[in-house]
Amino acid sequence: MKVAVFTTSYPRHEGDLAGRFVYDLVRRLRERDVVIDVVGPGTYRDYGLTGSGGAGLVASLRRKPWLAPPLAMSMIRTLRRAARDADLVHANWLAGAKIARYSGRPFIVTLHGSGTAGRFSDLALAERSPGLVRRLLRPAREVICCSQALAVAMREIGVANVHEIPYGVEIPDETGPEDEPPAVLFAGRLSPEKRIDVVAAATEGLPRIVAGDGPLRDLLPDALGFVPQNELFGLYDRAAVVLLASEREGLPNVVLEAMARGKTVVSTPVGGIPTVIEDGVTGFLVPVGDPRATRTAVERALADSDLRKKIGAAARERVRDYCSWDKVTEQTLAVYHEAV
């Protein structure tokens, strides 16, 4: 089978974290003898709108809306060339469905529910403009949603052929030792939707590791900046607790990767996170925008190594059952065969 994958976010070099969830799936599918041509930033003219420090294409277009038509034309031309002899086009994000319908080939769409899109995210649009979402997705043969919350939302507005397939995650056999004293890790973009104000307040004075960069770096001046993925895995190992305080998410890789390494995750119950984190069992869930509750959960986990081991073991089993790479790859291949 030959597939053209269309995406607006994809790593441009070793260590680039942009679109790693797309890249990792492509790599696994190629190992299963699927021939894949990736149509991503750099293959079409993006006018500097993609890879803008992690801000996301939607945010970039809000600043320069006059570039939307030429960007779309560049994407369509490039995708049509790549898809000329393809069996299928696999588009990513809701906007990708608009481009893929002009590819001349059958197509499927993966919805990610990304928080950086704000009011234009898949979940927000499904709630505010369900008719628009249905029109965009109607030509798609199949629709993949990265979380249960997203799949339910799409089915409720009448989207057909919806499949819930999470991001895949590697389950390492061994992990490195924790820091002593135990530390809390935040890994992600330092931007408003991540509620960096809560992260800063909840971790003030605690041993912490901050991997990321963005417009709110002044709130976390000890941040290391963007960290390549291979180095990020080492930070997971060092951490006792991994924190996510976002107000919007899809199903963030940082949560799955931390759980796969047996870490206790403290997170807000947004997007697909409650699918994998059961409060007090496979992690801790805290209210959005509540630094006091967040700090209480972080301190509780930092203070009790036996509790962390118990929750970490349950977390590993949860992601092994839900989103191991073998399972995710098989599910995706089944959707491909169904679509063609």
C-alpha atoms as a PDB file:
ATOM      1  CA  MET A   1       0.000   0.000   0.000  1.00  0.00           C
ATOM      2  CA  LYS A   2       1.186   3.529  -0.782  1.00  0.00           C
ATOM      3  CA  VAL A   3       0.014   6.450   1.363  1.00  0.00           C
ATOM      4  CA  ALA A   4       0.599  10.203   1.151  1.00  0.00           C
ATOM      5  CA  VAL A   5       0.613  11.692   4.655  1.00  0.00           C
ATOM      6  CA  PHE A   6      -0.296  15.373   4.828  1.00  0.00           C
ATOM      7  CA  THR A   7       0.670  17.358   7.922  1.00  0.00           C
ATOM      8  CA  THR A   8       1.373  20.940   8.963  1.00  0.00           C
ATOM      9  CA  SER A   9       3.700  19.816  11.757  1.00  0.00           C
ATOM     10  CA  TYR A  10       6.649  17.469  11.253  1.00  0.00           C
ATOM     11  CA  PRO A  11      10.271  17.342  12.504  1.00  0.00           C
ATOM     12  CA  ARG A  12      12.677  19.143  10.203  1.00  0.00           C
ATOM     13  CA  HIS A  13      15.844  17.873  11.888  1.00  0.00           C
ATOM     14  CA  GLU A  14      17.059  15.462  14.554  1.00  0.00           C
ATOM     15  CA  GLY A  15      15.817  16.639  17.941  1.00  0.00           C
ATOM     16  CA  ASP A  16      12.960  18.753  16.527  1.00  0.00           C
ATOM     17  CA  LEU A  17       9.852  17.960  18.603  1.00  0.00           C
ATOM     18  CA  ALA A  18       7.314  19.409  16.130  1.00  0.00           C
ATOM     19  CA  GLY A  19       4.830  16.771  15.006  1.00  0.00           C
ATOM     20  CA  ARG A  20       6.713  13.895  16.636  1.00  0.00           C
ATOM     21  CA  PHE A  21       3.441  11.966  16.995  1.00  0.00           C
ATOM     22  CA  VAL A  22       3.035  12.026  13.198  1.00  0.00           C
ATOM     23  CA  TYR A  23       6.685  11.120  12.610  1.00  0.00           C
ATOM     24  CA  ASP A  24       6.616   8.201  15.047  1.00  0.00           C
ATOM     25  CA  LEU A  25       3.521   6.693  13.414  1.00  0.00           C
ATOM     26  CA  VAL A  26       5.034   7.093   9.939  1.00  0.00           C
ATOM     27  CA  ARG A  27       8.170   5.268  11.096  1.00  0.00           C
ATOM     28  CA  ARG A  28       6.150   2.367  12.517  1.00  0.00           C
ATOM     29  CA  LEU A  29       3.989   2.062   9.398  1.00  0.00           C
ATOM     30  CA  ARG A  30       7.056   2.026   7.159  1.00  0.00           C
ATOM     31  CA  GLU A  31       8.366  -0.878   9.245  1.00  0.00           C
ATOM     32  CA  ARG A  32       5.152  -2.691   8.250  1.00  0.00           C
ATOM     33  CA  ASP A  33       5.941  -2.204   4.534  1.00  0.00           C
ATOM     34  CA  VAL A  34       3.609   0.745   3.952  1.00  0.00           C
ATOM     35  CA  VAL A  35       5.191   3.087   1.388  1.00  0.00           C
ATOM     36  CA  ILE A  36       4.722   6.612   2.727  1.00  0.00           C
ATOM     37  CA  ASP A  37       5.401  10.002   1.151  1.00  0.00           C
ATOM     38  CA  VAL A  38       5.212  12.754   3.785  1.00  0.00           C
ATOM     39  CA  VAL A  39       3.871  16.113   2.604  1.00  0.00           C
ATOM     40  CA  GLY A  40       4.882  18.413   5.443  1.00  0.00           C
ATOM     41  CA  PRO A  41       6.611  21.725   6.140  1.00  0.00           C
ATOM     42  CA  GLY A  42       9.516  22.105   3.768  1.00  0.00           C
ATOM     43  CA  THR A  43       7.909  20.101   0.949  1.00  0.00           C
ATOM     44  CA  TYR A  44       5.396  22.893   0.277  1.00  0.00           C
ATOM     45  CA  ARG A  45       6.017  26.615   0.605  1.00  0.00           C
ATOM     46  CA  ASP A  46       4.806  27.493   4.098  1.00  0.00           C
ATOM     47  CA  TYR A  47       5.607  31.233   4.070  1.00  0.00           C
ATOM     48  CA  GLY A  48       7.179  30.877   7.519  1.00  0.00           C
ATOM     49  CA  LEU A  49       3.834  29.982   9.104  1.00  0.00           C
ATOM     50  CA  THR A  50       4.633  26.444  10.295  1.00  0.00           C
ATOM     51  CA  GLY A  51       7.070  25.552  13.030  1.00  0.00           C
ATOM     52  CA  SER A  52       6.759  29.008  14.569  1.00  0.00           C
ATOM     53  CA  GLY A  53       8.323  28.136  17.910  1.00  0.00           C
ATOM     54  CA  GLY A  54       5.539  25.677  18.623  1.00  0.00           C
ATOM     55  CA  ALA A  55       2.792  28.304  18.364  1.00  0.00           C
ATOM     56  CA  GLY A  56       0.872  26.330  15.757  1.00  0.00           C
ATOM     57  CA  LEU A  57      -0.394  27.110  12.258  1.00  0.00           C
ATOM     58  CA  VAL A  58      -3.720  28.549  13.435  1.00  0.00           C
ATOM     59  CA  ALA A  59      -2.003  31.123  15.658  1.00  0.00           C
ATOM     60  CA  SER A  60       0.375  32.051  12.836  1.00  0.00           C
ATOM     61  CA  LEU A  61      -2.482  32.540  10.357  1.00  0.00           C
ATOM     62  CA  ARG A  62      -4.340  34.757  12.815  1.00  0.00           C
ATOM     63  CA  ARG A  63      -1.395  37.125  12.654  1.00  0.00           C
ATOM     64  CA  LYS A  64      -1.063  36.933   8.831  1.00  0.00           C
ATOM     65  CA  PRO A  65      -4.447  35.883   7.409  1.00  0.00           C
ATOM     66  CA  TRP A  66      -3.622  37.204   3.917  1.00  0.00           C
ATOM     67  CA  LEU A  67      -1.187  34.298   3.508  1.00  0.00           C
ATOM     68  CA  ALA A  68      -3.910  31.658   3.880  1.00  0.00           C
ATOM     69  CA  PRO A  69      -4.857  31.431   0.155  1.00  0.00           C
ATOM     70  CA  PRO A  70      -1.308  31.079  -1.225  1.00  0.00           C
ATOM     71  CA  LEU A  71      -0.438  28.643   1.578  1.00  0.00           C
ATOM     72  CA  ALA A  72      -3.465  26.482   0.749  1.00  0.00           C
ATOM     73  CA  MET A  73      -2.611  26.480  -2.966  1.00  0.00           C
ATOM     74  CA  SER A  74       0.980  25.453  -2.241  1.00  0.00           C
ATOM     75  CA  MET A  75      -0.240  22.617   0.004  1.00  0.00           C
ATOM     76  CA  ILE A  76      -2.792  21.380  -2.549  1.00  0.00           C
ATOM     77  CA  ARG A  77      -0.322  21.398  -5.463  1.00  0.00           C
ATOM     78  CA  THR A  78       2.308  19.511  -3.475  1.00  0.00           C
ATOM     79  CA  LEU A  79      -0.158  16.972  -2.110  1.00  0.00           C
ATOM     80  CA  ARG A  80      -1.655  16.280  -5.540  1.00  0.00           C
ATOM     81  CA  ARG A  81       1.813  15.514  -6.910  1.00  0.00           C
ATOM     82  CA  ALA A  82       2.646  13.203  -4.011  1.00  0.00           C
ATOM     83  CA  ALA A  83      -0.718  11.446  -4.151  1.00  0.00           C
ATOM     84  CA  ARG A  84      -0.735  10.860  -7.898  1.00  0.00           C
ATOM     85  CA  ASP A  85       0.005   7.125  -7.540  1.00  0.00           C
ATOM     86  CA  ALA A  86      -1.042   6.700  -3.891  1.00  0.00           C
ATOM     87  CA  ASP A  87      -3.794   4.384  -2.700  1.00  0.00           C
ATOM     88  CA  LEU A  88      -4.754   6.738   0.104  1.00  0.00           C
ATOM     89  CA  VAL A  89      -4.130  10.181   1.602  1.00  0.00           C
ATOM     90  CA  HIS A  90      -3.831  10.426   5.392  1.00  0.00           C
ATOM     91  CA  ALA A  91      -4.451  14.026   6.458  1.00  0.00           C
ATOM     92  CA  ASN A  92      -3.848  15.421   9.927  1.00  0.00           C
ATOM     93  CA  TRP A  93      -6.006  17.974  11.710  1.00  0.00           C
ATOM     94  CA  LEU A  94      -9.362  19.358  10.670  1.00  0.00           C
ATOM     95  CA  ALA A  95      -7.771  21.885   8.324  1.00  0.00           C
ATOM     96  CA  GLY A  96      -5.981  18.989   6.641  1.00  0.00           C
ATOM     97  CA  ALA A  97      -9.353  17.600   5.589  1.00  0.00           C
ATOM     98  CA  LYS A  98      -9.946  20.752   3.543  1.00  0.00           C
ATOM     99  CA  ILE A  99      -6.651  20.252   1.701  1.00  0.00           C
ATOM    100  CA  ALA A 100      -7.011  16.481   1.279  1.00  0.00           C
ATOM    101  CA  ARG A 101     -10.372  16.736  -0.494  1.00  0.00           C
ATOM    102  CA  TYR A 102      -8.511  18.294  -3.473  1.00  0.00           C
ATOM    103  CA  SER A 103      -5.874  15.526  -3.580  1.00  0.00           C
ATOM    104  CA  GLY A 104      -7.766  13.469  -6.156  1.00  0.00           C
ATOM    105  CA  ARG A 105      -7.464  10.361  -3.982  1.00  0.00           C
ATOM    106  CA  PRO A 106      -9.528   8.723  -1.203  1.00  0.00           C
ATOM    107  CA  PHE A 107      -8.523  10.187   2.154  1.00  0.00           C
ATOM    108  CA  ILE A 108      -8.809   9.717   5.892  1.00  0.00           C
ATOM    109  CA  VAL A 109      -8.279  12.322   8.627  1.00  0.00           C
ATOM    110  CA  THR A 110      -6.708  12.163  12.076  1.00  0.00           C
ATOM    111  CA  LEU A 111      -7.997  14.726  14.575  1.00  0.00           C
ATOM    112  CA  HIS A 112      -5.584  15.607  17.368  1.00  0.00           C
ATOM    113  CA  GLY A 113      -7.541  18.119  19.462  1.00  0.00           C
ATOM    114  CA  SER A 114      -4.435  20.282  19.845  1.00  0.00           C
ATOM    115  CA  GLY A 115      -4.629  22.912  22.572  1.00  0.00           C
ATOM    116  CA  THR A 116      -2.607  25.517  20.659  1.00  0.00           C
ATOM    117  CA  ALA A 117      -5.517  26.066  18.236  1.00  0.00           C
ATOM    118  CA  GLY A 118      -7.663  27.565  21.022  1.00  0.00           C
ATOM    119  CA  ARG A 119     -11.204  28.301  19.892  1.00  0.00           C
ATOM    120  CA  PHE A 120     -10.361  26.710  16.531  1.00  0.00           C
ATOM    121  CA  SER A 121      -9.451  23.337  18.045  1.00  0.00           C
ATOM    122  CA  ASP A 122     -11.409  20.267  16.935  1.00  0.00           C
ATOM    123  CA  LEU A 123     -13.366  20.054  20.196  1.00  0.00           C
ATOM    124  CA  ALA A 124     -14.142  23.770  20.320  1.00  0.00           C
ATOM    125  CA  LEU A 125     -15.327  23.824  16.700  1.00  0.00           C
ATOM    126  CA  ALA A 126     -17.465  20.717  17.210  1.00  0.00           C
ATOM    127  CA  GLU A 127     -19.249  22.519  20.024  1.00  0.00           C
ATOM    128  CA  ARG A 128     -19.499  25.924  18.345  1.00  0.00           C
ATOM    129  CA  SER A 129     -19.872  25.021  14.641  1.00  0.00           C
ATOM    130  CA  PRO A 130     -20.916  21.374  14.290  1.00  0.00           C
ATOM    131  CA  GLY A 131     -22.238  21.917  10.763  1.00  0.00           C
ATOM    132  CA  LEU A 132     -18.853  23.203   9.580  1.00  0.00           C
ATOM    133  CA  VAL A 133     -17.060  20.216  11.098  1.00  0.00           C
ATOM    134  CA  ARG A 134     -19.498  17.776   9.470  1.00  0.00           C
ATOM    135  CA  ARG A 135     -19.015  19.430   6.055  1.00  0.00           C
ATOM    136  CA  LEU A 136     -15.227  19.279   6.337  1.00  0.00           C
ATOM    137  CA  LEU A 137     -15.206  15.612   7.352  1.00  0.00           C
ATOM    138  CA  ARG A 138     -18.038  14.299   5.152  1.00  0.00           C
ATOM    139  CA  PRO A 139     -15.771  13.454   2.162  1.00  0.00           C
ATOM    140  CA  ALA A 140     -13.339  11.506   4.376  1.00  0.00           C
ATOM    141  CA  ARG A 141     -13.529   7.715   4.156  1.00  0.00           C
ATOM    142  CA  GLU A 142     -12.602   7.347   7.858  1.00  0.00           C
ATOM    143  CA  VAL A 143     -11.912   9.686  10.785  1.00  0.00           C
ATOM    144  CA  ILE A 144      -9.360   8.808  13.474  1.00  0.00           C
ATOM    145  CA  CYS A 145      -9.567  10.589  16.850  1.00  0.00           C
ATOM    146  CA  CYS A 146      -6.615  10.508  19.232  1.00  0.00           C
ATOM    147  CA  SER A 147      -8.776  10.364  22.363  1.00  0.00           C
ATOM    148  CA  GLN A 148     -12.086   9.039  23.590  1.00  0.00           C
ATOM    149  CA  ALA A 149     -13.328  12.563  24.343  1.00  0.00           C
ATOM    150  CA  LEU A 150     -12.687  13.634  20.763  1.00  0.00           C
ATOM    151  CA  ALA A 151     -14.279  10.497  19.287  1.00  0.00           C
ATOM    152  CA  VAL A 152     -17.415  10.960  21.410  1.00  0.00           C
ATOM    153  CA  ALA A 153     -17.680  14.633  20.396  1.00  0.00           C
ATOM    154  CA  MET A 154     -17.446  13.764  16.687  1.00  0.00           C
ATOM    155  CA  ARG A 155     -20.052  11.005  16.933  1.00  0.00           C
ATOM    156  CA  GLU A 156     -22.411  13.290  18.840  1.00  0.00           C
ATOM    157  CA  ILE A 157     -22.426  15.845  16.017  1.00  0.00           C
ATOM    158  CA  GLY A 158     -23.103  13.167  13.414  1.00  0.00           C
ATOM    159  CA  VAL A 159     -19.659  12.394  11.976  1.00  0.00           C
ATOM    160  CA  ALA A 160     -19.585   8.850  10.594  1.00  0.00           C
ATOM    161  CA  ASN A 161     -16.804   6.249  10.493  1.00  0.00           C
ATOM    162  CA  VAL A 162     -15.058   7.491  13.653  1.00  0.00           C
ATOM    163  CA  HIS A 163     -12.229   5.423  15.166  1.00  0.00           C
ATOM    164  CA  GLU A 164     -10.565   6.052  18.534  1.00  0.00           C
ATOM    165  CA  ILE A 165      -6.832   5.402  18.107  1.00  0.00           C
ATOM    166  CA  PRO A 166      -4.495   7.038  20.638  1.00  0.00           C
ATOM    167  CA  TYR A 167      -0.864   7.953  20.066  1.00  0.00           C
ATOM    168  CA  GLY A 168       1.508   5.046  20.382  1.00  0.00           C
ATOM    169  CA  VAL A 169       4.081   4.914  23.161  1.00  0.00           C
ATOM    170  CA  GLU A 170       7.256   2.913  23.724  1.00  0.00           C
ATOM    171  CA  ILE A 171       7.333   1.010  27.030  1.00  0.00           C
ATOM    172  CA  PRO A 172      11.008   0.830  28.115  1.00  0.00           C
ATOM    173  CA  ASP A 173      12.207  -2.213  30.034  1.00  0.00           C
ATOM    174  CA  GLU A 174      14.351  -0.105  32.349  1.00  0.00           C
ATOM    175  CA  THR A 175      14.512   3.532  33.453  1.00  0.00           C
ATOM    176  CA  GLY A 176      17.244   5.546  35.132  1.00  0.00           C
ATOM    177  CA  PRO A 177      17.329   6.608  38.792  1.00  0.00           C
ATOM    178  CA  GLU A 178      15.297   9.515  40.183  1.00  0.00           C
ATOM    179  CA  ASP A 179      16.984  12.659  41.428  1.00  0.00           C
ATOM    180  CA  GLU A 180      17.524  12.975  45.141  1.00  0.00           C
ATOM    181  CA  PRO A 181      15.741  14.903  46.546  1.00  0.00           C
ATOM    182  CA  PRO A 182      12.806  13.893  44.290  1.00  0.00           C
ATOM    183  CA  ALA A 183      11.952  16.473  41.635  1.00  0.00           C
ATOM    184  CA  VAL A 184       8.925  17.502  39.587  1.00  0.00           C
ATOM    185  CA  LEU A 185       9.208  17.833  35.797  1.00  0.00           C
ATOM    186  CA  PHE A 186       7.262  20.082  33.453  1.00  0.00           C
ATOM    187  CA  ALA A 187       7.886  19.483  29.742  1.00  0.00           C
ATOM    188  CA  GLY A 188       6.080  21.562  27.131  1.00  0.00           C
ATOM    189  CA  ARG A 189       5.597  24.939  25.540  1.00  0.00           C
ATOM    190  CA  LEU A 190       5.632  27.819  28.008  1.00  0.00           C
ATOM    191  CA  SER A 191       2.408  29.361  26.709  1.00  0.00           C
ATOM    192  CA  PRO A 192      -0.928  30.468  28.212  1.00  0.00           C
ATOM    193  CA  GLU A 193      -2.977  27.357  27.347  1.00  0.00           C
ATOM    194  CA  LYS A 194      -0.473  25.285  29.380  1.00  0.00           C
ATOM    195  CA  ARG A 195      -1.311  27.428  32.450  1.00  0.00           C
ATOM    196  CA  ILE A 196       2.312  28.173  33.161  1.00  0.00           C
ATOM    197  CA  ASP A 197       1.136  30.508  35.948  1.00  0.00           C
ATOM    198  CA  VAL A 198      -0.211  27.444  37.790  1.00  0.00           C
ATOM    199  CA  VAL A 199       2.945  25.419  37.066  1.00  0.00           C
ATOM    200  CA  ALA A 200       5.104  28.224  38.471  1.00  0.00           C
ATOM    201  CA  ALA A 201       3.006  28.703  41.613  1.00  0.00           C
ATOM    202  CA  ALA A 202       2.554  24.978  42.308  1.00  0.00           C
ATOM    203  CA  THR A 203       6.279  24.199  42.017  1.00  0.00           C
ATOM    204  CA  GLU A 204       7.781  27.320  43.616  1.00  0.00           C
ATOM    205  CA  GLY A 205      10.550  26.302  46.016  1.00  0.00           C
ATOM    206  CA  LEU A 206      10.354  22.616  45.045  1.00  0.00           C
ATOM    207  CA  PRO A 207      13.101  20.714  43.212  1.00  0.00           C
ATOM    208  CA  ARG A 208      11.954  21.075  39.618  1.00  0.00           C
ATOM    209  CA  ILE A 209      13.058  20.523  36.050  1.00  0.00           C
ATOM    210  CA  VAL A 210      11.500  22.654  33.308  1.00  0.00           C
ATOM    211  CA  ALA A 211      11.997  21.571  29.689  1.00  0.00           C
ATOM    212  CA  GLY A 212      10.483  24.043  27.249  1.00  0.00           C
ATOM    213  CA  ASP A 213      10.371  27.568  25.940  1.00  0.00           C
ATOM    214  CA  GLY A 214       7.752  30.097  24.915  1.00  0.00           C
ATOM    215  CA  PRO A 215       6.242  33.506  25.623  1.00  0.00           C
ATOM    216  CA  LEU A 216       5.850  32.885  29.391  1.00  0.00           C
ATOM    217  CA  ARG A 217       9.436  31.863  30.077  1.00  0.00           C
ATOM    218  CA  ASP A 218       9.801  34.768  32.506  1.00  0.00           C
ATOM    219  CA  LEU A 219       7.511  32.842  34.904  1.00  0.00           C
ATOM    220  CA  LEU A 220       9.933  29.897  34.883  1.00  0.00           C
ATOM    221  CA  PRO A 221      13.375  31.513  34.523  1.00  0.00           C
ATOM    222  CA  ASP A 222      15.134  28.202  35.281  1.00  0.00           C
ATOM    223  CA  ALA A 223      13.692  26.612  32.097  1.00  0.00           C
ATOM    224  CA  LEU A 224      16.179  24.654  30.000  1.00  0.00           C
ATOM    225  CA  GLY A 225      14.608  25.710  26.699  1.00  0.00           C
ATOM    226  CA  PHE A 226      13.434  23.184  24.110  1.00  0.00           C
ATOM    227  CA  VAL A 227      15.017  19.784  24.774  1.00  0.00           C
ATOM    228  CA  PRO A 228      15.551  17.138  22.044  1.00  0.00           C
ATOM    229  CA  GLN A 229      13.479  13.995  22.507  1.00  0.00           C
ATOM    230  CA  ASN A 230      16.409  11.705  23.334  1.00  0.00           C
ATOM    231  CA  GLU A 231      17.435  14.101  26.129  1.00  0.00           C
ATOM    232  CA  LEU A 232      13.823  14.468  27.276  1.00  0.00           C
ATOM    233  CA  PHE A 233      13.638  10.744  28.018  1.00  0.00           C
ATOM    234  CA  GLY A 234      16.537  11.195  30.436  1.00  0.00           C
ATOM    235  CA  LEU A 235      14.634  13.980  32.201  1.00  0.00           C
ATOM    236  CA  TYR A 236      11.624  11.678  32.619  1.00  0.00           C
ATOM    237  CA  ASP A 237      13.905   9.183  34.337  1.00  0.00           C
ATOM    238  CA  ARG A 238      15.240  11.817  36.726  1.00  0.00           C
ATOM    239  CA  ALA A 239      11.771  13.083  37.678  1.00  0.00           C
ATOM    240  CA  ALA A 240       9.661  11.646  40.492  1.00  0.00           C
ATOM    241  CA  VAL A 241       6.533  13.530  39.373  1.00  0.00           C
ATOM    242  CA  VAL A 242       5.511  14.904  35.964  1.00  0.00           C
ATOM    243  CA  LEU A 243       3.149  17.890  35.966  1.00  0.00           C
ATOM    244  CA  LEU A 244       0.694  19.132  33.334  1.00  0.00           C
ATOM    245  CA  ALA A 245      -1.681  21.989  34.209  1.00  0.00           C
ATOM    246  CA  SER A 246      -3.166  22.724  30.766  1.00  0.00           C
ATOM    247  CA  GLU A 247      -6.630  24.145  30.166  1.00  0.00           C
ATOM    248  CA  ARG A 248      -6.812  22.482  26.711  1.00  0.00           C
ATOM    249  CA  GLU A 249      -5.157  19.332  25.363  1.00  0.00           C
ATOM    250  CA  GLY A 250      -5.715  16.447  22.988  1.00  0.00           C
ATOM    251  CA  LEU A 251      -3.884  13.425  24.371  1.00  0.00           C
ATOM    252  CA  PRO A 252      -0.415  14.805  25.138  1.00  0.00           C
ATOM    253  CA  ASN A 253       2.612  12.632  24.492  1.00  0.00           C
ATOM    254  CA  VAL A 254       4.245  13.913  27.664  1.00  0.00           C
ATOM    255  CA  VAL A 255       1.557  12.171  29.739  1.00  0.00           C
ATOM    256  CA  LEU A 256       1.830   8.865  27.843  1.00  0.00           C
ATOM    257  CA  GLU A 257       5.638   8.878  27.849  1.00  0.00           C
ATOM    258  CA  ALA A 258       5.822   9.674  31.564  1.00  0.00           C
ATOM    259  CA  MET A 259       3.322   6.930  32.419  1.00  0.00           C
ATOM    260  CA  ALA A 260       5.225   4.451  30.232  1.00  0.00           C
ATOM    261  CA  ARG A 261       8.263   5.144  32.398  1.00  0.00           C
ATOM    262  CA  GLY A 262       6.347   4.499  35.603  1.00  0.00           C
ATOM    263  CA  LYS A 263       6.106   8.136  36.645  1.00  0.00           C
ATOM    264  CA  THR A 264       3.366   9.678  38.748  1.00  0.00           C
ATOM    265  CA  VAL A 265       1.606  12.263  36.590  1.00  0.00           C
ATOM    266  CA  VAL A 266      -0.322  15.167  38.122  1.00  0.00           C
ATOM    267  CA  SER A 267      -2.591  16.631  35.438  1.00  0.00           C
ATOM    268  CA  THR A 268      -5.784  18.506  34.721  1.00  0.00           C
ATOM    269  CA  PRO A 269      -8.677  16.344  33.418  1.00  0.00           C
ATOM    270  CA  VAL A 270      -8.825  17.878  29.926  1.00  0.00           C
ATOM    271  CA  GLY A 271      -9.085  16.292  26.474  1.00  0.00           C
ATOM    272  CA  GLY A 272      -8.201  12.612  26.454  1.00  0.00           C
ATOM    273  CA  ILE A 273      -6.232  12.644  29.717  1.00  0.00           C
ATOM    274  CA  PRO A 274      -9.011  11.079  31.876  1.00  0.00           C
ATOM    275  CA  THR A 275      -8.968   8.114  29.471  1.00  0.00           C
ATOM    276  CA  VAL A 276      -5.556   7.098  30.810  1.00  0.00           C
ATOM    277  CA  ILE A 277      -5.402   8.746  34.260  1.00  0.00           C
ATOM    278  CA  GLU A 278      -7.782   7.510  36.942  1.00  0.00           C
ATOM    279  CA  ASP A 279      -7.419   9.816  39.910  1.00  0.00           C
ATOM    280  CA  GLY A 280      -5.454   8.170  42.696  1.00  0.00           C
ATOM    281  CA  VAL A 281      -4.924   4.978  40.672  1.00  0.00           C
ATOM    282  CA  THR A 282      -2.828   5.727  37.575  1.00  0.00           C
ATOM    283  CA  GLY A 283      -2.045   9.361  38.458  1.00  0.00           C
ATOM    284  CA  PHE A 284      -3.642  12.423  40.026  1.00  0.00           C
ATOM    285  CA  LEU A 285      -6.217  14.746  38.463  1.00  0.00           C
ATOM    286  CA  VAL A 286      -6.509  18.352  39.660  1.00  0.00           C
ATOM    287  CA  PRO A 287      -8.878  21.187  38.672  1.00  0.00           C
ATOM    288  CA  VAL A 288      -7.862  23.583  35.913  1.00  0.00           C
ATOM    289  CA  GLY A 289      -6.459  26.836  37.276  1.00  0.00           C
ATOM    290  CA  ASP A 290      -6.097  25.686  40.895  1.00  0.00           C
ATOM    291  CA  PRO A 291      -2.472  26.115  42.041  1.00  0.00           C
ATOM    292  CA  ARG A 292      -3.249  25.108  45.631  1.00  0.00           C
ATOM    293  CA  ALA A 293      -4.812  21.750  44.690  1.00  0.00           C
ATOM    294  CA  THR A 294      -2.045  21.187  42.162  1.00  0.00           C
ATOM    295  CA  ARG A 295       0.707  21.819  44.707  1.00  0.00           C
ATOM    296  CA  THR A 296      -1.019  19.577  47.260  1.00  0.00           C
ATOM    297  CA  ALA A 297      -1.068  16.676  44.776  1.00  0.00           C
ATOM    298  CA  VAL A 298       2.558  17.280  43.733  1.00  0.00           C
ATOM    299  CA  GLU A 299       3.779  17.459  47.344  1.00  0.00           C
ATOM    300  CA  ARG A 300       1.846  14.326  48.283  1.00  0.00           C
ATOM    301  CA  ALA A 301       3.505  12.362  45.490  1.00  0.00           C
ATOM    302  CA  LEU A 302       6.985  13.774  46.152  1.00  0.00           C
ATOM    303  CA  ALA A 303       6.755  12.843  49.830  1.00  0.00           C
ATOM    304  CA  ASP A 304       5.731   9.187  49.374  1.00  0.00           C
ATOM    305  CA  SER A 305       8.016   6.931  47.327  1.00  0.00           C
ATOM    306  CA  ASP A 306       5.843   3.851  47.962  1.00  0.00           C
ATOM    307  CA  LEU A 307       2.802   5.688  46.594  1.00  0.00           C
ATOM    308  CA  ARG A 308       4.783   6.728  43.520  1.00  0.00           C
ATOM    309  CA  LYS A 309       5.880   3.139  42.867  1.00  0.00           C
ATOM    310  CA  LYS A 310       2.313   1.872  43.176  1.00  0.00           C
ATOM    311  CA  ILE A 311       0.861   4.537  40.873  1.00  0.00           C
ATOM    312  CA  GLY A 312       3.778   4.282  38.450  1.00  0.00           C
ATOM    313  CA  ALA A 313       3.300   0.520  38.046  1.00  0.00           C
ATOM    314  CA  ALA A 314      -0.423   0.972  37.401  1.00  0.00           C
ATOM    315  CA  ALA A 315       0.321   3.764  34.916  1.00  0.00           C
ATOM    316  CA  ARG A 316       2.691   1.537  32.914  1.00  0.00           C
ATOM    317  CA  GLU A 317       0.076  -1.186  32.668  1.00  0.00           C
ATOM    318  CA  ARG A 318      -2.608   1.296  31.612  1.00  0.00           C
ATOM    319  CA  VAL A 319      -0.635   2.642  28.666  1.00  0.00           C
ATOM    320  CA  ARG A 320       0.587  -0.856  27.750  1.00  0.00           C
ATOM    321  CA  ASP A 321      -3.032  -1.994  27.439  1.00  0.00           C
ATOM    322  CA  TYR A 322      -4.276   1.167  25.720  1.00  0.00           C
ATOM    323  CA  CYS A 323      -1.596   2.475  23.417  1.00  0.00           C
ATOM    324  CA  SER A 324       1.412   0.216  22.914  1.00  0.00           C
ATOM    325  CA  TRP A 325       2.909   0.714  19.453  1.00  0.00           C
ATOM    326  CA  ASP A 326       1.958  -2.780  18.289  1.00  0.00           C
ATOM    327  CA  LYS A 327      -1.699  -2.109  19.088  1.00  0.00           C
ATOM    328  CA  VAL A 328      -1.774   1.408  17.586  1.00  0.00           C
ATOM    329  CA  THR A 329      -0.040   0.292  14.385  1.00  0.00           C
ATOM    330  CA  GLU A 330      -2.450  -2.619  13.886  1.00  0.00           C
ATOM    331  CA  GLN A 331      -5.470  -0.360  14.455  1.00  0.00           C
ATOM    332  CA  THR A 332      -4.171   2.217  11.959  1.00  0.00           C
ATOM    333  CA  LEU A 333      -3.468  -0.431   9.313  1.00  0.00           C
ATOM    334  CA  ALA A 334      -7.000  -1.770   9.761  1.00  0.00           C
ATOM    335  CA  VAL A 335      -8.409   1.715   9.092  1.00  0.00           C
ATOM    336  CA  TYR A 336      -6.196   2.043   5.986  1.00  0.00           C
ATOM    337  CA  HIS A 337      -7.466  -1.241   4.553  1.00  0.00           C
ATOM    338  CA  GLU A 338     -11.059  -0.316   5.349  1.00  0.00           C
ATOM    339  CA  ALA A 339     -10.650   3.046   3.613  1.00  0.00           C
ATOM    340  CA  VAL A 340      -9.280   1.620   0.368  1.00  0.00           C
END
